[in-house]
Amino acid sequence: MKKILLILVAILGVLGLSACGSEMPQTWEDIESRGYMIVGLDDTFAPMGFRDNDGNLVGFDVDLAKEVGERLGVEVRFQPIDWDAKVLELNAGTIDMIWNGLTITESRLEEMAFSNAYLANTQMIMVKAGSDITTMDDLIGSTLGVQISSAAEDAVNASAIVDDLGELVKFDTYNAALLELQNGTVDAVVIDEIMGRYIMSQNSGVYAALEDNFGEEEYGIGFRLESANLRDKINEVLAEMVADGKAAQISENWFDEDIFLS
């Protein structure tokens, strides 16, 4: 019910803006004049954007966005969103960009203007430690979990094995999917390797990762199609951060190495 209400609110927002003329910021100059930019994110997606033990929003993408905002001289406001409604939220103007381990895909390129890719990722298969599932073929007849409207869901649906699965279960968050993996409701979860490796590092001996995966991809920041000017400004600042070593520093803080794409 909560998800349905959020989607309805986003749709009404789009209709309202269409009726009265678009007042949402579309360009860097609009953001600069307003004094802040609103970043939409899934605040359960560690280590990109998530809550620490004190409830504070932290993460690699959070630190990147804060640094970009500081260099641009504008405040960064983070807005948690329902990942299933991310495009609606973006087009409704409740957020200015989606910055949260967002995979660049052909279908999303039709809906959003993407920044330059800044991280590489794969869609990893996670199982419980000691699971009998050790290869892709072992997924035949199994119950597989994914986050709804995620790159993982798209990758599984595009794979040759999808028709041989016992069931594909879609969850609102990866945290919910991993909980059901522990409970035995699903046999495996397809998850961004960036998140999966982080979760495994925080829970030694609990999970295992298969060598097989559902493909390689890259992360970018998603903007409204009309906001190419804003995207270009963010790209400029990220390039500066690569050149002066700040992007590498933030990467090393979270991943113990520089994995930022240059």
C-alpha atoms as a PDB file:
ATOM      1  CA  MET A   1       0.000   0.000   0.000  1.00  0.00           C
ATOM      2  CA  LYS A   2       2.813   2.422   0.867  1.00  0.00           C
ATOM      3  CA  LYS A   3       4.472   1.768  -2.496  1.00  0.00           C
ATOM      4  CA  ILE A   4       1.208   2.363  -4.372  1.00  0.00           C
ATOM      5  CA  LEU A   5       0.686   5.664  -2.571  1.00  0.00           C
ATOM      6  CA  LEU A   6       4.232   6.802  -3.377  1.00  0.00           C
ATOM      7  CA  ILE A   7       3.763   6.005  -7.045  1.00  0.00           C
ATOM      8  CA  LEU A   8       0.401   7.811  -7.133  1.00  0.00           C
ATOM      9  CA  VAL A   9       1.947  10.870  -5.512  1.00  0.00           C
ATOM     10  CA  ALA A  10       4.721  10.866  -8.102  1.00  0.00           C
ATOM     11  CA  ILE A  11       2.214  10.538 -10.969  1.00  0.00           C
ATOM     12  CA  LEU A  12       0.087  13.367  -9.583  1.00  0.00           C
ATOM     13  CA  GLY A  13       3.230  15.449  -9.307  1.00  0.00           C
ATOM     14  CA  VAL A  14       3.982  14.920 -12.980  1.00  0.00           C
ATOM     15  CA  LEU A  15       0.398  15.780 -13.964  1.00  0.00           C
ATOM     16  CA  GLY A  16       0.433  18.858 -11.769  1.00  0.00           C
ATOM     17  CA  LEU A  17       3.638  20.133 -13.306  1.00  0.00           C
ATOM     18  CA  SER A  18       2.285  19.491 -16.774  1.00  0.00           C
ATOM     19  CA  ALA A  19      -0.843  21.482 -15.983  1.00  0.00           C
ATOM     20  CA  CYS A  20       0.851  24.544 -14.537  1.00  0.00           C
ATOM     21  CA  GLY A  21       4.051  24.540 -16.590  1.00  0.00           C
ATOM     22  CA  SER A  22       7.304  22.967 -15.551  1.00  0.00           C
ATOM     23  CA  GLU A  23       8.820  24.736 -12.561  1.00  0.00           C
ATOM     24  CA  MET A  24      11.341  22.063 -11.648  1.00  0.00           C
ATOM     25  CA  PRO A  25      15.013  22.926 -12.108  1.00  0.00           C
ATOM     26  CA  GLN A  26      16.333  21.609 -15.398  1.00  0.00           C
ATOM     27  CA  THR A  27      19.746  23.260 -15.696  1.00  0.00           C
ATOM     28  CA  TRP A  28      22.802  23.879 -13.551  1.00  0.00           C
ATOM     29  CA  GLU A  29      21.833  27.561 -13.462  1.00  0.00           C
ATOM     30  CA  ASP A  30      18.452  26.607 -11.957  1.00  0.00           C
ATOM     31  CA  ILE A  31      20.172  24.570  -9.239  1.00  0.00           C
ATOM     32  CA  GLU A  32      22.710  27.312  -8.568  1.00  0.00           C
ATOM     33  CA  SER A  33      19.931  29.889  -8.220  1.00  0.00           C
ATOM     34  CA  ARG A  34      17.941  27.644  -5.874  1.00  0.00           C
ATOM     35  CA  GLY A  35      21.010  26.869  -3.775  1.00  0.00           C
ATOM     36  CA  TYR A  36      20.602  23.106  -3.381  1.00  0.00           C
ATOM     37  CA  MET A  37      20.275  19.891  -5.348  1.00  0.00           C
ATOM     38  CA  ILE A  38      18.101  16.937  -4.362  1.00  0.00           C
ATOM     39  CA  VAL A  39      19.690  13.509  -4.722  1.00  0.00           C
ATOM     40  CA  GLY A  40      17.354  10.517  -4.824  1.00  0.00           C
ATOM     41  CA  LEU A  41      18.640   7.228  -3.435  1.00  0.00           C
ATOM     42  CA  ASP A  42      17.757   3.867  -1.935  1.00  0.00           C
ATOM     43  CA  ASP A  43      19.034   4.341   1.614  1.00  0.00           C
ATOM     44  CA  THR A  44      19.425   0.584   2.159  1.00  0.00           C
ATOM     45  CA  PHE A  45      22.007   0.099  -0.604  1.00  0.00           C
ATOM     46  CA  ALA A  46      25.330  -0.384   1.193  1.00  0.00           C
ATOM     47  CA  PRO A  47      28.018   0.737   0.650  1.00  0.00           C
ATOM     48  CA  MET A  48      26.716   3.333  -1.817  1.00  0.00           C
ATOM     49  CA  GLY A  49      24.073   4.934   0.390  1.00  0.00           C
ATOM     50  CA  PHE A  50      22.781   3.502   3.674  1.00  0.00           C
ATOM     51  CA  ARG A  51      22.153   4.222   7.360  1.00  0.00           C
ATOM     52  CA  ASP A  52      24.869   3.651   9.939  1.00  0.00           C
ATOM     53  CA  ASN A  53      24.146   2.417  13.469  1.00  0.00           C
ATOM     54  CA  ASP A  54      23.201   5.947  14.505  1.00  0.00           C
ATOM     55  CA  GLY A  55      20.801   6.406  11.612  1.00  0.00           C
ATOM     56  CA  ASN A  56      23.088   8.747   9.695  1.00  0.00           C
ATOM     57  CA  LEU A  57      23.149   8.525   5.921  1.00  0.00           C
ATOM     58  CA  VAL A  58      26.599   7.386   4.779  1.00  0.00           C
ATOM     59  CA  GLY A  59      28.196   5.714   1.786  1.00  0.00           C
ATOM     60  CA  PHE A  60      30.448   6.045  -1.222  1.00  0.00           C
ATOM     61  CA  ASP A  61      27.889   7.843  -3.392  1.00  0.00           C
ATOM     62  CA  VAL A  62      26.883  10.014  -0.437  1.00  0.00           C
ATOM     63  CA  ASP A  63      30.477  11.163   0.013  1.00  0.00           C
ATOM     64  CA  LEU A  64      30.875  11.767  -3.725  1.00  0.00           C
ATOM     65  CA  ALA A  65      27.709  13.858  -3.903  1.00  0.00           C
ATOM     66  CA  LYS A  66      28.685  15.898  -0.842  1.00  0.00           C
ATOM     67  CA  GLU A  67      32.081  16.676  -2.350  1.00  0.00           C
ATOM     68  CA  VAL A  68      30.495  17.699  -5.649  1.00  0.00           C
ATOM     69  CA  GLY A  69      28.038  19.947  -3.815  1.00  0.00           C
ATOM     70  CA  GLU A  70      30.820  21.568  -1.825  1.00  0.00           C
ATOM     71  CA  ARG A  71      32.812  22.298  -4.970  1.00  0.00           C
ATOM     72  CA  LEU A  72      29.756  23.742  -6.683  1.00  0.00           C
ATOM     73  CA  GLY A  73      28.800  25.811  -3.656  1.00  0.00           C
ATOM     74  CA  VAL A  74      25.330  24.295  -3.241  1.00  0.00           C
ATOM     75  CA  GLU A  75      23.719  22.220  -0.510  1.00  0.00           C
ATOM     76  CA  VAL A  76      23.076  18.540  -1.187  1.00  0.00           C
ATOM     77  CA  ARG A  77      19.765  17.209   0.105  1.00  0.00           C
ATOM     78  CA  PHE A  78      19.319  13.447   0.068  1.00  0.00           C
ATOM     79  CA  GLN A  79      15.845  12.070  -0.549  1.00  0.00           C
ATOM     80  CA  PRO A  80      15.207   8.341   0.055  1.00  0.00           C
ATOM     81  CA  ILE A  81      12.964   6.945  -2.679  1.00  0.00           C
ATOM     82  CA  ASP A  82      11.142   3.762  -3.589  1.00  0.00           C
ATOM     83  CA  TRP A  83      13.487   2.214  -6.160  1.00  0.00           C
ATOM     84  CA  ASP A  84      10.541   0.882  -8.138  1.00  0.00           C
ATOM     85  CA  ALA A  85       9.306   4.482  -8.626  1.00  0.00           C
ATOM     86  CA  LYS A  86      12.660   6.147  -9.276  1.00  0.00           C
ATOM     87  CA  VAL A  87      11.886   7.377 -12.797  1.00  0.00           C
ATOM     88  CA  LEU A  88       8.506   8.713 -11.689  1.00  0.00           C
ATOM     89  CA  GLU A  89      10.173  10.514  -8.782  1.00  0.00           C
ATOM     90  CA  LEU A  90      12.734  12.013 -11.150  1.00  0.00           C
ATOM     91  CA  ASN A  91      10.201  13.207 -13.705  1.00  0.00           C
ATOM     92  CA  ALA A  92       7.870  14.503 -10.999  1.00  0.00           C
ATOM     93  CA  GLY A  93      10.629  16.839  -9.842  1.00  0.00           C
ATOM     94  CA  THR A  94      10.773  15.537  -6.273  1.00  0.00           C
ATOM     95  CA  ILE A  95      14.452  14.778  -6.949  1.00  0.00           C
ATOM     96  CA  ASP A  96      16.972  16.295  -9.357  1.00  0.00           C
ATOM     97  CA  MET A  97      19.027  13.170  -9.954  1.00  0.00           C
ATOM     98  CA  ILE A  98      19.362   9.498  -9.004  1.00  0.00           C
ATOM     99  CA  TRP A  99      22.793   8.881  -7.504  1.00  0.00           C
ATOM    100  CA  ASN A 100      22.937   5.461  -5.918  1.00  0.00           C
ATOM    101  CA  GLY A 101      24.662   2.649  -7.781  1.00  0.00           C
ATOM    102  CA  LEU A 102      22.400   3.203 -10.783  1.00  0.00           C
ATOM    103  CA  THR A 103      23.269   0.866 -13.643  1.00  0.00           C
ATOM    104  CA  ILE A 104      23.438   2.356 -17.129  1.00  0.00           C
ATOM    105  CA  THR A 105      21.206   0.261 -19.411  1.00  0.00           C
ATOM    106  CA  GLU A 106      19.802   0.742 -22.903  1.00  0.00           C
ATOM    107  CA  SER A 107      16.248   1.011 -21.571  1.00  0.00           C
ATOM    108  CA  ARG A 108      17.217   3.556 -18.932  1.00  0.00           C
ATOM    109  CA  LEU A 109      19.067   5.653 -21.526  1.00  0.00           C
ATOM    110  CA  GLU A 110      15.663   6.199 -23.138  1.00  0.00           C
ATOM    111  CA  GLU A 111      14.314   7.573 -19.850  1.00  0.00           C
ATOM    112  CA  MET A 112      17.265   9.446 -18.358  1.00  0.00           C
ATOM    113  CA  ALA A 113      20.325  11.491 -19.245  1.00  0.00           C
ATOM    114  CA  PHE A 114      23.290   9.674 -17.695  1.00  0.00           C
ATOM    115  CA  SER A 115      26.571  11.017 -16.404  1.00  0.00           C
ATOM    116  CA  ASN A 116      29.817   9.440 -17.479  1.00  0.00           C
ATOM    117  CA  ALA A 117      30.242   5.974 -15.980  1.00  0.00           C
ATOM    118  CA  TYR A 118      32.174   6.101 -12.711  1.00  0.00           C
ATOM    119  CA  LEU A 119      32.208   2.515 -11.359  1.00  0.00           C
ATOM    120  CA  ALA A 120      32.253  -0.957 -12.913  1.00  0.00           C
ATOM    121  CA  ASN A 121      30.052  -3.697 -11.466  1.00  0.00           C
ATOM    122  CA  THR A 122      28.775  -7.219 -12.121  1.00  0.00           C
ATOM    123  CA  GLN A 123      25.504  -8.894 -11.187  1.00  0.00           C
ATOM    124  CA  MET A 124      26.706 -11.442  -8.657  1.00  0.00           C
ATOM    125  CA  ILE A 125      24.969 -14.595  -7.434  1.00  0.00           C
ATOM    126  CA  MET A 126      24.952 -14.892  -3.633  1.00  0.00           C
ATOM    127  CA  VAL A 127      24.024 -18.021  -1.695  1.00  0.00           C
ATOM    128  CA  LYS A 128      24.250 -19.144   1.907  1.00  0.00           C
ATOM    129  CA  ALA A 129      27.640 -20.495   2.899  1.00  0.00           C
ATOM    130  CA  GLY A 130      27.668 -24.249   2.294  1.00  0.00           C
ATOM    131  CA  SER A 131      24.897 -24.127  -0.302  1.00  0.00           C
ATOM    132  CA  ASP A 132      24.673 -26.896  -2.897  1.00  0.00           C
ATOM    133  CA  ILE A 133      24.349 -24.179  -5.543  1.00  0.00           C
ATOM    134  CA  THR A 134      27.841 -23.609  -6.915  1.00  0.00           C
ATOM    135  CA  THR A 135      27.281 -22.886 -10.630  1.00  0.00           C
ATOM    136  CA  MET A 136      24.753 -21.128 -12.846  1.00  0.00           C
ATOM    137  CA  ASP A 137      23.295 -24.481 -13.910  1.00  0.00           C
ATOM    138  CA  ASP A 138      22.498 -25.274 -10.280  1.00  0.00           C
ATOM    139  CA  LEU A 139      19.943 -22.440 -10.377  1.00  0.00           C
ATOM    140  CA  ILE A 140      17.674 -24.566 -12.579  1.00  0.00           C
ATOM    141  CA  GLY A 141      14.503 -25.233 -10.594  1.00  0.00           C
ATOM    142  CA  SER A 142      15.587 -22.928  -7.773  1.00  0.00           C
ATOM    143  CA  THR A 143      13.892 -19.922  -6.196  1.00  0.00           C
ATOM    144  CA  LEU A 144      15.889 -16.819  -7.077  1.00  0.00           C
ATOM    145  CA  GLY A 145      15.563 -13.415  -5.414  1.00  0.00           C
ATOM    146  CA  VAL A 146      16.143  -9.951  -6.917  1.00  0.00           C
ATOM    147  CA  GLN A 147      15.282  -6.354  -6.082  1.00  0.00           C
ATOM    148  CA  ILE A 148      12.297  -5.147  -8.074  1.00  0.00           C
ATOM    149  CA  SER A 149      13.063  -2.806 -10.994  1.00  0.00           C
ATOM    150  CA  SER A 150      16.783  -3.428 -10.564  1.00  0.00           C
ATOM    151  CA  ALA A 151      19.517  -4.205 -13.062  1.00  0.00           C
ATOM    152  CA  ALA A 152      19.612  -7.657 -11.459  1.00  0.00           C
ATOM    153  CA  GLU A 153      15.989  -8.275 -12.412  1.00  0.00           C
ATOM    154  CA  ASP A 154      16.673  -7.095 -15.967  1.00  0.00           C
ATOM    155  CA  ALA A 155      19.781  -9.283 -16.242  1.00  0.00           C
ATOM    156  CA  VAL A 156      17.980 -12.403 -15.024  1.00  0.00           C
ATOM    157  CA  ASN A 157      15.012 -11.809 -17.337  1.00  0.00           C
ATOM    158  CA  ALA A 158      17.390 -11.416 -20.274  1.00  0.00           C
ATOM    159  CA  SER A 159      19.300 -14.612 -19.472  1.00  0.00           C
ATOM    160  CA  ALA A 160      18.886 -18.051 -20.995  1.00  0.00           C
ATOM    161  CA  ILE A 161      18.192 -19.604 -17.604  1.00  0.00           C
ATOM    162  CA  VAL A 162      15.168 -17.509 -16.644  1.00  0.00           C
ATOM    163  CA  ASP A 163      12.631 -19.989 -18.052  1.00  0.00           C
ATOM    164  CA  ASP A 164      14.238 -22.836 -16.107  1.00  0.00           C
ATOM    165  CA  LEU A 165      13.972 -21.166 -12.706  1.00  0.00           C
ATOM    166  CA  GLY A 166      11.516 -22.526 -10.205  1.00  0.00           C
ATOM    167  CA  GLU A 167      10.473 -18.986  -9.269  1.00  0.00           C
ATOM    168  CA  LEU A 168      11.807 -15.442  -9.525  1.00  0.00           C
ATOM    169  CA  VAL A 169      10.894 -13.502  -6.380  1.00  0.00           C
ATOM    170  CA  LYS A 170      11.080  -9.696  -6.391  1.00  0.00           C
ATOM    171  CA  PHE A 171      11.790  -7.740  -3.216  1.00  0.00           C
ATOM    172  CA  ASP A 172      11.536  -4.037  -2.412  1.00  0.00           C
ATOM    173  CA  THR A 173      15.136  -3.991  -1.147  1.00  0.00           C
ATOM    174  CA  TYR A 174      18.202  -6.193  -1.274  1.00  0.00           C
ATOM    175  CA  ASN A 175      18.164  -6.317   2.522  1.00  0.00           C
ATOM    176  CA  ALA A 176      14.758  -8.000   2.358  1.00  0.00           C
ATOM    177  CA  ALA A 177      16.039 -10.441  -0.264  1.00  0.00           C
ATOM    178  CA  LEU A 178      19.083 -11.358   1.835  1.00  0.00           C
ATOM    179  CA  LEU A 179      16.901 -11.887   4.901  1.00  0.00           C
ATOM    180  CA  GLU A 180      14.804 -14.388   2.968  1.00  0.00           C
ATOM    181  CA  LEU A 181      17.991 -16.036   1.718  1.00  0.00           C
ATOM    182  CA  GLN A 182      18.970 -16.606   5.335  1.00  0.00           C
ATOM    183  CA  ASN A 183      15.466 -17.855   6.147  1.00  0.00           C
ATOM    184  CA  GLY A 184      15.578 -20.303   3.246  1.00  0.00           C
ATOM    185  CA  THR A 185      12.660 -18.744   1.368  1.00  0.00           C
ATOM    186  CA  VAL A 186      14.926 -18.187  -1.639  1.00  0.00           C
ATOM    187  CA  ASP A 187      17.893 -20.303  -2.688  1.00  0.00           C
ATOM    188  CA  ALA A 188      20.026 -17.502  -4.117  1.00  0.00           C
ATOM    189  CA  VAL A 189      20.002 -13.751  -4.684  1.00  0.00           C
ATOM    190  CA  VAL A 190      21.303 -11.863  -7.702  1.00  0.00           C
ATOM    191  CA  ILE A 191      22.826  -8.654  -6.395  1.00  0.00           C
ATOM    192  CA  ASP A 192      25.238  -5.922  -7.431  1.00  0.00           C
ATOM    193  CA  GLU A 193      28.740  -7.179  -6.690  1.00  0.00           C
ATOM    194  CA  ILE A 194      29.567  -3.798  -5.138  1.00  0.00           C
ATOM    195  CA  MET A 195      26.920  -4.411  -2.471  1.00  0.00           C
ATOM    196  CA  GLY A 196      27.352  -8.173  -2.255  1.00  0.00           C
ATOM    197  CA  ARG A 197      31.085  -8.001  -1.530  1.00  0.00           C
ATOM    198  CA  TYR A 198      30.490  -5.326   1.096  1.00  0.00           C
ATOM    199  CA  ILE A 199      27.782  -7.406   2.817  1.00  0.00           C
ATOM    200  CA  MET A 200      30.056 -10.451   2.790  1.00  0.00           C
ATOM    201  CA  SER A 201      32.911  -8.447   4.311  1.00  0.00           C
ATOM    202  CA  GLN A 202      30.623  -7.424   7.163  1.00  0.00           C
ATOM    203  CA  ASN A 203      29.238 -10.954   7.688  1.00  0.00           C
ATOM    204  CA  SER A 204      32.175 -13.346   7.472  1.00  0.00           C
ATOM    205  CA  GLY A 205      31.238 -16.967   6.809  1.00  0.00           C
ATOM    206  CA  VAL A 206      27.532 -16.244   6.282  1.00  0.00           C
ATOM    207  CA  TYR A 207      27.367 -15.966   2.498  1.00  0.00           C
ATOM    208  CA  ALA A 208      29.220 -17.245  -0.548  1.00  0.00           C
ATOM    209  CA  ALA A 209      29.511 -15.893  -4.086  1.00  0.00           C
ATOM    210  CA  LEU A 210      29.449 -17.972  -7.255  1.00  0.00           C
ATOM    211  CA  GLU A 211      32.116 -17.519  -9.911  1.00  0.00           C
ATOM    212  CA  ASP A 212      29.341 -17.370 -12.509  1.00  0.00           C
ATOM    213  CA  ASN A 213      27.495 -14.062 -12.795  1.00  0.00           C
ATOM    214  CA  PHE A 214      24.794 -12.327 -14.810  1.00  0.00           C
ATOM    215  CA  GLY A 215      27.045  -9.886 -16.632  1.00  0.00           C
ATOM    216  CA  GLU A 216      29.158  -6.780 -16.336  1.00  0.00           C
ATOM    217  CA  GLU A 217      27.844  -3.223 -16.209  1.00  0.00           C
ATOM    218  CA  GLU A 218      28.673   0.328 -15.174  1.00  0.00           C
ATOM    219  CA  TYR A 219      27.176   2.851 -12.765  1.00  0.00           C
ATOM    220  CA  GLY A 220      26.174   6.397 -13.686  1.00  0.00           C
ATOM    221  CA  ILE A 221      24.128   9.261 -12.258  1.00  0.00           C
ATOM    222  CA  GLY A 222      20.649   9.597 -13.771  1.00  0.00           C
ATOM    223  CA  PHE A 223      19.120  12.981 -14.667  1.00  0.00           C
ATOM    224  CA  ARG A 224      15.961  14.073 -16.444  1.00  0.00           C
ATOM    225  CA  LEU A 225      16.368  14.000 -20.207  1.00  0.00           C
ATOM    226  CA  GLU A 226      15.950  17.779 -20.189  1.00  0.00           C
ATOM    227  CA  SER A 227      18.795  18.205 -17.689  1.00  0.00           C
ATOM    228  CA  ALA A 228      21.802  17.476 -19.914  1.00  0.00           C
ATOM    229  CA  ASN A 229      23.257  20.844 -18.892  1.00  0.00           C
ATOM    230  CA  LEU A 230      23.182  19.841 -15.215  1.00  0.00           C
ATOM    231  CA  ARG A 231      24.631  16.428 -16.062  1.00  0.00           C
ATOM    232  CA  ASP A 232      27.498  18.068 -17.929  1.00  0.00           C
ATOM    233  CA  LYS A 233      28.276  20.278 -14.926  1.00  0.00           C
ATOM    234  CA  ILE A 234      28.409  17.277 -12.597  1.00  0.00           C
ATOM    235  CA  ASN A 235      30.640  15.474 -15.106  1.00  0.00           C
ATOM    236  CA  GLU A 236      33.046  18.428 -15.055  1.00  0.00           C
ATOM    237  CA  VAL A 237      33.351  18.334 -11.276  1.00  0.00           C
ATOM    238  CA  LEU A 238      33.820  14.559 -11.168  1.00  0.00           C
ATOM    239  CA  ALA A 239      36.600  14.892 -13.748  1.00  0.00           C
ATOM    240  CA  GLU A 240      38.272  17.491 -11.509  1.00  0.00           C
ATOM    241  CA  MET A 241      38.007  15.087  -8.570  1.00  0.00           C
ATOM    242  CA  VAL A 242      39.681  12.348 -10.594  1.00  0.00           C
ATOM    243  CA  ALA A 243      42.450  14.718 -11.651  1.00  0.00           C
ATOM    244  CA  ASP A 244      43.234  15.994  -8.143  1.00  0.00           C
ATOM    245  CA  GLY A 245      42.937  12.592  -6.437  1.00  0.00           C
ATOM    246  CA  LYS A 246      39.797  13.245  -4.383  1.00  0.00           C
ATOM    247  CA  ALA A 247      37.767  10.566  -6.184  1.00  0.00           C
ATOM    248  CA  ALA A 248      40.528   8.035  -5.490  1.00  0.00           C
ATOM    249  CA  GLN A 249      40.618   9.063  -1.829  1.00  0.00           C
ATOM    250  CA  ILE A 250      36.880   8.534  -1.388  1.00  0.00           C
ATOM    251  CA  SER A 251      37.117   5.187  -3.197  1.00  0.00           C
ATOM    252  CA  GLU A 252      39.971   4.028  -0.976  1.00  0.00           C
ATOM    253  CA  ASN A 253      37.984   5.012   2.120  1.00  0.00           C
ATOM    254  CA  TRP A 254      35.189   2.628   1.117  1.00  0.00           C
ATOM    255  CA  PHE A 255      36.858  -0.096  -0.955  1.00  0.00           C
ATOM    256  CA  ASP A 256      40.491   0.007   0.205  1.00  0.00           C
ATOM    257  CA  GLU A 257      41.507   0.693  -3.402  1.00  0.00           C
ATOM    258  CA  ASP A 258      40.847   3.154  -6.192  1.00  0.00           C
ATOM    259  CA  ILE A 259      38.122   1.639  -8.376  1.00  0.00           C
ATOM    260  CA  PHE A 260      36.817   4.951  -9.728  1.00  0.00           C
ATOM    261  CA  LEU A 261      36.664   4.921 -13.524  1.00  0.00           C
ATOM    262  CA  SER A 262      38.750   7.655 -15.114  1.00  0.00           C
END
